[in-house]
Amino acid sequence: MLLYHYFDKKTGPFRNLSDLSEKEARKVLQSIKSEKPETMCAKRQDSYIADRRRFEEILRNEFLKKGGIIERKAPHYLVVGECPWLQSWF
């Protein structure tokens, strides 16, 4: 099994909106929407940042319930196996 982390070569790997303040994350998302309007990332809904933070909190809590140890507040996202569709985003 291989894990893949898809990213924009211009910004580099493991850059995470969830590591930023809400204001900074919105600014980055707005920049993506204006600079790369054709990408999937640019098509995210206005509530994306708030939704993402809410879902990450649920996942953190469930992970803790199972005895997990959290080393980072925000997760890094990886995909199990290659995904040409995600690769096409970048």
PDB file of N, CA and C in Angstrom:
ATOM      1  N   MET A   1       0.853  -1.170   0.000  1.00  0.00           N
ATOM      2  CA  MET A   1       0.000   0.000   0.000  1.00  0.00           C
ATOM      3  C   MET A   1       0.902   1.238   0.000  1.00  0.00           C
ATOM      4  N   LEU A   2       0.585   2.172  -0.872  1.00  0.00           N
ATOM      5  CA  LEU A   2       1.324   3.431  -0.942  1.00  0.00           C
ATOM      6  C   LEU A   2       0.407   4.598  -0.595  1.00  0.00           C
ATOM      7  N   LEU A   3       0.957   5.567   0.122  1.00  0.00           N
ATOM      8  CA  LEU A   3       0.231   6.798   0.423  1.00  0.00           C
ATOM      9  C   LEU A   3       0.739   7.896  -0.489  1.00  0.00           C
ATOM     10  N   TYR A   4      -0.176   8.679  -1.027  1.00  0.00           N
ATOM     11  CA  TYR A   4       0.162   9.775  -1.928  1.00  0.00           C
ATOM     12  C   TYR A   4      -0.273  11.097  -1.313  1.00  0.00           C
ATOM     13  N   HIS A   5       0.557  12.102  -1.501  1.00  0.00           N
ATOM     14  CA  HIS A   5       0.229  13.464  -1.072  1.00  0.00           C
ATOM     15  C   HIS A   5       0.341  14.355  -2.311  1.00  0.00           C
ATOM     16  N   TYR A   6      -0.790  14.776  -2.831  1.00  0.00           N
ATOM     17  CA  TYR A   6      -0.810  15.617  -4.025  1.00  0.00           C
ATOM     18  C   TYR A   6      -0.678  17.074  -3.610  1.00  0.00           C
ATOM     19  N   PHE A   7       0.127  17.828  -4.354  1.00  0.00           N
ATOM     20  CA  PHE A   7       0.361  19.225  -3.996  1.00  0.00           C
ATOM     21  C   PHE A   7       0.776  20.019  -5.227  1.00  0.00           C
ATOM     22  N   ASP A   8       0.667  21.325  -5.098  1.00  0.00           N
ATOM     23  CA  ASP A   8       1.085  22.252  -6.141  1.00  0.00           C
ATOM     24  C   ASP A   8       2.599  22.430  -6.036  1.00  0.00           C
ATOM     25  N   LYS A   9       3.326  22.131  -7.094  1.00  0.00           N
ATOM     26  CA  LYS A   9       4.787  22.242  -7.063  1.00  0.00           C
ATOM     27  C   LYS A   9       5.243  23.666  -6.744  1.00  0.00           C
ATOM     28  N   LYS A  10       4.423  24.627  -7.090  1.00  0.00           N
ATOM     29  CA  LYS A  10       4.762  26.035  -6.853  1.00  0.00           C
ATOM     30  C   LYS A  10       4.817  26.360  -5.355  1.00  0.00           C
ATOM     31  N   THR A  11       3.952  25.751  -4.565  1.00  0.00           N
ATOM     32  CA  THR A  11       3.904  26.053  -3.134  1.00  0.00           C
ATOM     33  C   THR A  11       4.570  24.982  -2.269  1.00  0.00           C
ATOM     34  N   GLY A  12       4.718  23.769  -2.807  1.00  0.00           N
ATOM     35  CA  GLY A  12       5.403  22.708  -2.080  1.00  0.00           C
ATOM     36  C   GLY A  12       4.472  21.807  -1.287  1.00  0.00           C
ATOM     37  N   PRO A  13       5.012  20.681  -0.799  1.00  0.00           N
ATOM     38  CA  PRO A  13       4.203  19.699  -0.079  1.00  0.00           C
ATOM     39  C   PRO A  13       3.882  20.102   1.359  1.00  0.00           C
ATOM     40  N   PHE A  14       2.855  19.482   1.862  1.00  0.00           N
ATOM     41  CA  PHE A  14       2.439  19.601   3.268  1.00  0.00           C
ATOM     42  C   PHE A  14       2.191  21.038   3.715  1.00  0.00           C
ATOM     43  N   ARG A  15       1.655  21.828   2.803  1.00  0.00           N
ATOM     44  CA  ARG A  15       1.150  23.166   3.148  1.00  0.00           C
ATOM     45  C   ARG A  15      -0.322  22.959   3.490  1.00  0.00           C
ATOM     46  N   ASN A  16      -0.764  23.464   4.606  1.00  0.00           N
ATOM     47  CA  ASN A  16      -2.073  23.091   5.115  1.00  0.00           C
ATOM     48  C   ASN A  16      -2.877  24.315   5.533  1.00  0.00           C
ATOM     49  N   LEU A  17      -4.047  24.485   4.930  1.00  0.00           N
ATOM     50  CA  LEU A  17      -4.925  25.601   5.304  1.00  0.00           C
ATOM     51  C   LEU A  17      -5.278  25.555   6.794  1.00  0.00           C
ATOM     52  N   SER A  18      -5.358  24.371   7.351  1.00  0.00           N
ATOM     53  CA  SER A  18      -5.752  24.229   8.754  1.00  0.00           C
ATOM     54  C   SER A  18      -4.668  24.673   9.726  1.00  0.00           C
ATOM     55  N   ASP A  19      -3.444  24.856   9.241  1.00  0.00           N
ATOM     56  CA  ASP A  19      -2.377  25.388  10.089  1.00  0.00           C
ATOM     57  C   ASP A  19      -2.469  26.910  10.217  1.00  0.00           C
ATOM     58  N   LEU A  20      -3.281  27.521   9.382  1.00  0.00           N
ATOM     59  CA  LEU A  20      -3.400  28.978   9.352  1.00  0.00           C
ATOM     60  C   LEU A  20      -4.581  29.447  10.196  1.00  0.00           C
ATOM     61  N   SER A  21      -4.574  30.724  10.547  1.00  0.00           N
ATOM     62  CA  SER A  21      -5.753  31.306  11.193  1.00  0.00           C
ATOM     63  C   SER A  21      -6.883  31.304  10.164  1.00  0.00           C
ATOM     64  N   GLU A  22      -8.094  31.465  10.631  1.00  0.00           N
ATOM     65  CA  GLU A  22      -9.226  31.473   9.696  1.00  0.00           C
ATOM     66  C   GLU A  22      -9.072  32.595   8.668  1.00  0.00           C
ATOM     67  N   LYS A  23      -8.635  33.759   9.118  1.00  0.00           N
ATOM     68  CA  LYS A  23      -8.448  34.902   8.216  1.00  0.00           C
ATOM     69  C   LYS A  23      -7.391  34.593   7.154  1.00  0.00           C
ATOM     70  N   GLU A  24      -6.268  34.020   7.586  1.00  0.00           N
ATOM     71  CA  GLU A  24      -5.196  33.684   6.635  1.00  0.00           C
ATOM     72  C   GLU A  24      -5.642  32.591   5.659  1.00  0.00           C
ATOM     73  N   ALA A  25      -6.368  31.601   6.162  1.00  0.00           N
ATOM     74  CA  ALA A  25      -6.847  30.511   5.307  1.00  0.00           C
ATOM     75  C   ALA A  25      -7.815  31.036   4.255  1.00  0.00           C
ATOM     76  N   ARG A  26      -8.708  31.934   4.659  1.00  0.00           N
ATOM     77  CA  ARG A  26      -9.640  32.540   3.694  1.00  0.00           C
ATOM     78  C   ARG A  26      -8.882  33.324   2.623  1.00  0.00           C
ATOM     79  N   LYS A  27      -7.829  34.013   3.035  1.00  0.00           N
ATOM     80  CA  LYS A  27      -7.020  34.789   2.096  1.00  0.00           C
ATOM     81  C   LYS A  27      -6.349  33.866   1.070  1.00  0.00           C
ATOM     82  N   VAL A  28      -5.798  32.754   1.531  1.00  0.00           N
ATOM     83  CA  VAL A  28      -5.159  31.794   0.624  1.00  0.00           C
ATOM     84  C   VAL A  28      -6.188  31.210  -0.327  1.00  0.00           C
ATOM     85  N   LEU A  29      -7.341  30.817   0.193  1.00  0.00           N
ATOM     86  CA  LEU A  29      -8.391  30.249  -0.650  1.00  0.00           C
ATOM     87  C   LEU A  29      -8.867  31.268  -1.684  1.00  0.00           C
ATOM     88  N   GLN A  30      -9.001  32.513  -1.281  1.00  0.00           N
ATOM     89  CA  GLN A  30      -9.409  33.561  -2.223  1.00  0.00           C
ATOM     90  C   GLN A  30      -8.346  33.764  -3.301  1.00  0.00           C
ATOM     91  N   SER A  31      -7.091  33.673  -2.921  1.00  0.00           N
ATOM     92  CA  SER A  31      -5.991  33.795  -3.871  1.00  0.00           C
ATOM     93  C   SER A  31      -6.051  32.662  -4.904  1.00  0.00           C
ATOM     94  N   ILE A  32      -6.302  31.450  -4.436  1.00  0.00           N
ATOM     95  CA  ILE A  32      -6.435  30.305  -5.347  1.00  0.00           C
ATOM     96  C   ILE A  32      -7.598  30.534  -6.305  1.00  0.00           C
ATOM     97  N   LYS A  33      -8.708  31.023  -5.783  1.00  0.00           N
ATOM     98  CA  LYS A  33      -9.885  31.265  -6.619  1.00  0.00           C
ATOM     99  C   LYS A  33      -9.614  32.303  -7.701  1.00  0.00           C
ATOM    100  N   SER A  34      -8.820  33.310  -7.393  1.00  0.00           N
ATOM    101  CA  SER A  34      -8.554  34.348  -8.394  1.00  0.00           C
ATOM    102  C   SER A  34      -7.415  33.963  -9.343  1.00  0.00           C
ATOM    103  N   GLU A  35      -6.392  33.265  -8.843  1.00  0.00           N
ATOM    104  CA  GLU A  35      -5.236  32.926  -9.674  1.00  0.00           C
ATOM    105  C   GLU A  35      -5.431  31.657 -10.504  1.00  0.00           C
ATOM    106  N   LYS A  36      -6.228  30.722  -9.984  1.00  0.00           N
ATOM    107  CA  LYS A  36      -6.428  29.442 -10.673  1.00  0.00           C
ATOM    108  C   LYS A  36      -7.912  29.074 -10.674  1.00  0.00           C
ATOM    109  N   PRO A  37      -8.748  29.885 -11.300  1.00  0.00           N
ATOM    110  CA  PRO A  37     -10.198  29.663 -11.228  1.00  0.00           C
ATOM    111  C   PRO A  37     -10.670  28.344 -11.840  1.00  0.00           C
ATOM    112  N   GLU A  38      -9.848  27.735 -12.677  1.00  0.00           N
ATOM    113  CA  GLU A  38     -10.242  26.480 -13.332  1.00  0.00           C
ATOM    114  C   GLU A  38     -10.002  25.253 -12.455  1.00  0.00           C
ATOM    115  N   THR A  39      -9.276  25.394 -11.348  1.00  0.00           N
ATOM    116  CA  THR A  39      -8.954  24.235 -10.509  1.00  0.00           C
ATOM    117  C   THR A  39     -10.105  23.859  -9.578  1.00  0.00           C
ATOM    118  N   MET A  40     -10.084  22.617  -9.133  1.00  0.00           N
ATOM    119  CA  MET A  40     -11.113  22.142  -8.202  1.00  0.00           C
ATOM    120  C   MET A  40     -11.076  22.925  -6.887  1.00  0.00           C
ATOM    121  N   CYS A  41      -9.873  23.248  -6.434  1.00  0.00           N
ATOM    122  CA  CYS A  41      -9.737  23.984  -5.168  1.00  0.00           C
ATOM    123  C   CYS A  41     -10.457  25.334  -5.236  1.00  0.00           C
ATOM    124  N   ALA A  42     -10.476  25.938  -6.404  1.00  0.00           N
ATOM    125  CA  ALA A  42     -11.112  27.246  -6.571  1.00  0.00           C
ATOM    126  C   ALA A  42     -12.630  27.160  -6.531  1.00  0.00           C
ATOM    127  N   LYS A  43     -13.157  25.973  -6.663  1.00  0.00           N
ATOM    128  CA  LYS A  43     -14.615  25.793  -6.699  1.00  0.00           C
ATOM    129  C   LYS A  43     -15.210  25.459  -5.331  1.00  0.00           C
ATOM    130  N   ARG A  44     -14.393  25.531  -4.298  1.00  0.00           N
ATOM    131  CA  ARG A  44     -14.890  25.221  -2.956  1.00  0.00           C
ATOM    132  C   ARG A  44     -15.900  26.262  -2.488  1.00  0.00           C
ATOM    133  N   GLN A  45     -16.896  25.797  -1.730  1.00  0.00           N
ATOM    134  CA  GLN A  45     -17.964  26.665  -1.239  1.00  0.00           C
ATOM    135  C   GLN A  45     -17.428  27.674  -0.226  1.00  0.00           C
ATOM    136  N   ASP A  46     -18.184  28.737  -0.012  1.00  0.00           N
ATOM    137  CA  ASP A  46     -17.766  29.795   0.910  1.00  0.00           C
ATOM    138  C   ASP A  46     -17.569  29.293   2.340  1.00  0.00           C
ATOM    139  N   SER A  47     -18.289  28.257   2.717  1.00  0.00           N
ATOM    140  CA  SER A  47     -18.192  27.732   4.084  1.00  0.00           C
ATOM    141  C   SER A  47     -17.085  26.672   4.221  1.00  0.00           C
ATOM    142  N   TYR A  48     -16.257  26.511   3.206  1.00  0.00           N
ATOM    143  CA  TYR A  48     -15.265  25.434   3.185  1.00  0.00           C
ATOM    144  C   TYR A  48     -14.358  25.426   4.417  1.00  0.00           C
ATOM    145  N   ILE A  49     -13.804  26.569   4.774  1.00  0.00           N
ATOM    146  CA  ILE A  49     -12.856  26.624   5.903  1.00  0.00           C
ATOM    147  C   ILE A  49     -13.553  26.218   7.204  1.00  0.00           C
ATOM    148  N   ALA A  50     -14.717  26.786   7.463  1.00  0.00           N
ATOM    149  CA  ALA A  50     -15.460  26.450   8.692  1.00  0.00           C
ATOM    150  C   ALA A  50     -15.867  24.977   8.690  1.00  0.00           C
ATOM    151  N   ASP A  51     -16.347  24.485   7.548  1.00  0.00           N
ATOM    152  CA  ASP A  51     -16.740  23.077   7.440  1.00  0.00           C
ATOM    153  C   ASP A  51     -15.550  22.165   7.696  1.00  0.00           C
ATOM    154  N   ARG A  52     -14.433  22.478   7.077  1.00  0.00           N
ATOM    155  CA  ARG A  52     -13.220  21.670   7.219  1.00  0.00           C
ATOM    156  C   ARG A  52     -12.781  21.601   8.679  1.00  0.00           C
ATOM    157  N   ARG A  53     -12.777  22.744   9.350  1.00  0.00           N
ATOM    158  CA  ARG A  53     -12.369  22.770  10.759  1.00  0.00           C
ATOM    159  C   ARG A  53     -13.323  21.960  11.640  1.00  0.00           C
ATOM    160  N   ARG A  54     -14.598  22.030  11.330  1.00  0.00           N
ATOM    161  CA  ARG A  54     -15.592  21.263  12.096  1.00  0.00           C
ATOM    162  C   ARG A  54     -15.374  19.765  11.896  1.00  0.00           C
ATOM    163  N   PHE A  55     -15.162  19.330  10.650  1.00  0.00           N
ATOM    164  CA  PHE A  55     -14.938  17.908  10.380  1.00  0.00           C
ATOM    165  C   PHE A  55     -13.621  17.420  10.990  1.00  0.00           C
ATOM    166  N   GLU A  56     -12.594  18.252  10.933  1.00  0.00           N
ATOM    167  CA  GLU A  56     -11.318  17.865  11.543  1.00  0.00           C
ATOM    168  C   GLU A  56     -11.455  17.711  13.056  1.00  0.00           C
ATOM    169  N   GLU A  57     -12.246  18.550  13.673  1.00  0.00           N
ATOM    170  CA  GLU A  57     -12.480  18.447  15.124  1.00  0.00           C
ATOM    171  C   GLU A  57     -13.190  17.131  15.462  1.00  0.00           C
ATOM    172  N   ILE A  58     -14.180  16.755  14.651  1.00  0.00           N
ATOM    173  CA  ILE A  58     -14.876  15.481  14.854  1.00  0.00           C
ATOM    174  C   ILE A  58     -13.886  14.322  14.744  1.00  0.00           C
ATOM    175  N   LEU A  59     -13.056  14.352  13.707  1.00  0.00           N
ATOM    176  CA  LEU A  59     -12.069  13.284  13.516  1.00  0.00           C
ATOM    177  C   LEU A  59     -11.062  13.224  14.659  1.00  0.00           C
ATOM    178  N   ARG A  60     -10.608  14.389  15.134  1.00  0.00           N
ATOM    179  CA  ARG A  60      -9.683  14.434  16.273  1.00  0.00           C
ATOM    180  C   ARG A  60     -10.303  13.786  17.502  1.00  0.00           C
ATOM    181  N   ASN A  61     -11.537  14.163  17.787  1.00  0.00           N
ATOM    182  CA  ASN A  61     -12.226  13.619  18.965  1.00  0.00           C
ATOM    183  C   ASN A  61     -12.418  12.109  18.865  1.00  0.00           C
ATOM    184  N   GLU A  62     -12.795  11.618  17.691  1.00  0.00           N
ATOM    185  CA  GLU A  62     -12.979  10.179  17.510  1.00  0.00           C
ATOM    186  C   GLU A  62     -11.648   9.440  17.621  1.00  0.00           C
ATOM    187  N   PHE A  63     -10.593  10.029  17.105  1.00  0.00           N
ATOM    188  CA  PHE A  63      -9.255   9.438  17.193  1.00  0.00           C
ATOM    189  C   PHE A  63      -8.819   9.342  18.658  1.00  0.00           C
ATOM    190  N   LEU A  64      -9.065  10.401  19.423  1.00  0.00           N
ATOM    191  CA  LEU A  64      -8.726  10.393  20.851  1.00  0.00           C
ATOM    192  C   LEU A  64      -9.506   9.320  21.611  1.00  0.00           C
ATOM    193  N   LYS A  65     -10.790   9.161  21.286  1.00  0.00           N
ATOM    194  CA  LYS A  65     -11.622   8.143  21.934  1.00  0.00           C
ATOM    195  C   LYS A  65     -11.055   6.747  21.735  1.00  0.00           C
ATOM    196  N   LYS A  66     -10.383   6.531  20.618  1.00  0.00           N
ATOM    197  CA  LYS A  66      -9.807   5.224  20.308  1.00  0.00           C
ATOM    198  C   LYS A  66      -8.391   5.074  20.853  1.00  0.00           C
ATOM    199  N   GLY A  67      -7.951   6.069  21.632  1.00  0.00           N
ATOM    200  CA  GLY A  67      -6.632   5.991  22.252  1.00  0.00           C
ATOM    201  C   GLY A  67      -5.512   6.592  21.422  1.00  0.00           C
ATOM    202  N   GLY A  68      -5.863   7.308  20.372  1.00  0.00           N
ATOM    203  CA  GLY A  68      -4.850   7.913  19.517  1.00  0.00           C
ATOM    204  C   GLY A  68      -4.103   9.034  20.223  1.00  0.00           C
ATOM    205  N   ILE A  69      -2.886   9.243  19.780  1.00  0.00           N
ATOM    206  CA  ILE A  69      -2.053  10.324  20.307  1.00  0.00           C
ATOM    207  C   ILE A  69      -1.899  11.356  19.204  1.00  0.00           C
ATOM    208  N   ILE A  70      -2.296  12.574  19.487  1.00  0.00           N
ATOM    209  CA  ILE A  70      -2.264  13.635  18.485  1.00  0.00           C
ATOM    210  C   ILE A  70      -0.965  14.415  18.611  1.00  0.00           C
ATOM    211  N   GLU A  71      -0.238  14.476  17.511  1.00  0.00           N
ATOM    212  CA  GLU A  71       1.023  15.203  17.492  1.00  0.00           C
ATOM    213  C   GLU A  71       0.903  16.549  16.791  1.00  0.00           C
ATOM    214  N   ARG A  72      -0.084  16.692  15.939  1.00  0.00           N
ATOM    215  CA  ARG A  72      -0.332  17.938  15.198  1.00  0.00           C
ATOM    216  C   ARG A  72      -1.797  18.310  15.388  1.00  0.00           C
ATOM    217  N   LYS A  73      -2.066  19.588  15.509  1.00  0.00           N
ATOM    218  CA  LYS A  73      -3.471  20.004  15.603  1.00  0.00           C
ATOM    219  C   LYS A  73      -4.195  19.751  14.292  1.00  0.00           C
ATOM    220  N   ALA A  74      -3.539  20.056  13.178  1.00  0.00           N
ATOM    221  CA  ALA A  74      -4.150  19.871  11.858  1.00  0.00           C
ATOM    222  C   ALA A  74      -3.530  18.662  11.163  1.00  0.00           C
ATOM    223  N   PRO A  75      -4.368  17.819  10.569  1.00  0.00           N
ATOM    224  CA  PRO A  75      -3.831  16.633   9.897  1.00  0.00           C
ATOM    225  C   PRO A  75      -3.202  16.981   8.549  1.00  0.00           C
ATOM    226  N   HIS A  76      -2.280  16.140   8.122  1.00  0.00           N
ATOM    227  CA  HIS A  76      -1.815  16.185   6.741  1.00  0.00           C
ATOM    228  C   HIS A  76      -2.687  15.199   5.979  1.00  0.00           C
ATOM    229  N   TYR A  77      -3.086  15.580   4.789  1.00  0.00           N
ATOM    230  CA  TYR A  77      -3.971  14.742   3.997  1.00  0.00           C
ATOM    231  C   TYR A  77      -3.186  13.902   3.008  1.00  0.00           C
ATOM    232  N   LEU A  78      -3.475  12.599   3.011  1.00  0.00           N
ATOM    233  CA  LEU A  78      -2.859  11.656   2.086  1.00  0.00           C
ATOM    234  C   LEU A  78      -3.952  10.757   1.526  1.00  0.00           C
ATOM    235  N   VAL A  79      -3.647  10.129   0.409  1.00  0.00           N
ATOM    236  CA  VAL A  79      -4.594   9.246  -0.257  1.00  0.00           C
ATOM    237  C   VAL A  79      -3.977   7.855  -0.324  1.00  0.00           C
ATOM    238  N   VAL A  80      -4.780   6.843  -0.036  1.00  0.00           N
ATOM    239  CA  VAL A  80      -4.306   5.464  -0.159  1.00  0.00           C
ATOM    240  C   VAL A  80      -4.388   5.092  -1.634  1.00  0.00           C
ATOM    241  N   GLY A  81      -3.224   4.900  -2.238  1.00  0.00           N
ATOM    242  CA  GLY A  81      -3.164   4.552  -3.655  1.00  0.00           C
ATOM    243  C   GLY A  81      -3.188   5.786  -4.543  1.00  0.00           C
ATOM    244  N   GLU A  82      -2.784   5.583  -5.769  1.00  0.00           N
ATOM    245  CA  GLU A  82      -2.726   6.673  -6.742  1.00  0.00           C
ATOM    246  C   GLU A  82      -4.138   7.093  -7.154  1.00  0.00           C
ATOM    247  N   CYS A  83      -4.320   8.385  -7.392  1.00  0.00           N
ATOM    248  CA  CYS A  83      -5.626   8.911  -7.789  1.00  0.00           C
ATOM    249  C   CYS A  83      -5.432   9.931  -8.918  1.00  0.00           C
ATOM    250  N   PRO A  84      -5.569   9.494 -10.163  1.00  0.00           N
ATOM    251  CA  PRO A  84      -5.387  10.411 -11.295  1.00  0.00           C
ATOM    252  C   PRO A  84      -6.304  11.640 -11.223  1.00  0.00           C
ATOM    253  N   TRP A  85      -7.507  11.467 -10.675  1.00  0.00           N
ATOM    254  CA  TRP A  85      -8.425  12.599 -10.564  1.00  0.00           C
ATOM    255  C   TRP A  85      -7.837  13.685  -9.660  1.00  0.00           C
ATOM    256  N   LEU A  86      -7.321  13.307  -8.483  1.00  0.00           N
ATOM    257  CA  LEU A  86      -6.699  14.296  -7.594  1.00  0.00           C
ATOM    258  C   LEU A  86      -5.429  14.863  -8.223  1.00  0.00           C
ATOM    259  N   GLN A  87      -4.670  14.027  -8.881  1.00  0.00           N
ATOM    260  CA  GLN A  87      -3.451  14.486  -9.543  1.00  0.00           C
ATOM    261  C   GLN A  87      -3.770  15.568 -10.569  1.00  0.00           C
ATOM    262  N   SER A  88      -4.923  15.455 -11.212  1.00  0.00           N
ATOM    263  CA  SER A  88      -5.318  16.432 -12.243  1.00  0.00           C
ATOM    264  C   SER A  88      -5.603  17.814 -11.653  1.00  0.00           C
ATOM    265  N   TRP A  89      -5.808  17.912 -10.344  1.00  0.00           N
ATOM    266  CA  TRP A  89      -6.053  19.211  -9.705  1.00  0.00           C
ATOM    267  C   TRP A  89      -4.818  20.090  -9.781  1.00  0.00           C
ATOM    268  N   PHE A  90      -3.665  19.450  -9.853  1.00  0.00           N
ATOM    269  CA  PHE A  90      -2.408  20.172  -9.781  1.00  0.00           C
ATOM    270  C   PHE A  90      -1.632  20.055 -11.079  1.00  0.00           C
TER     271      PHE A  90
END
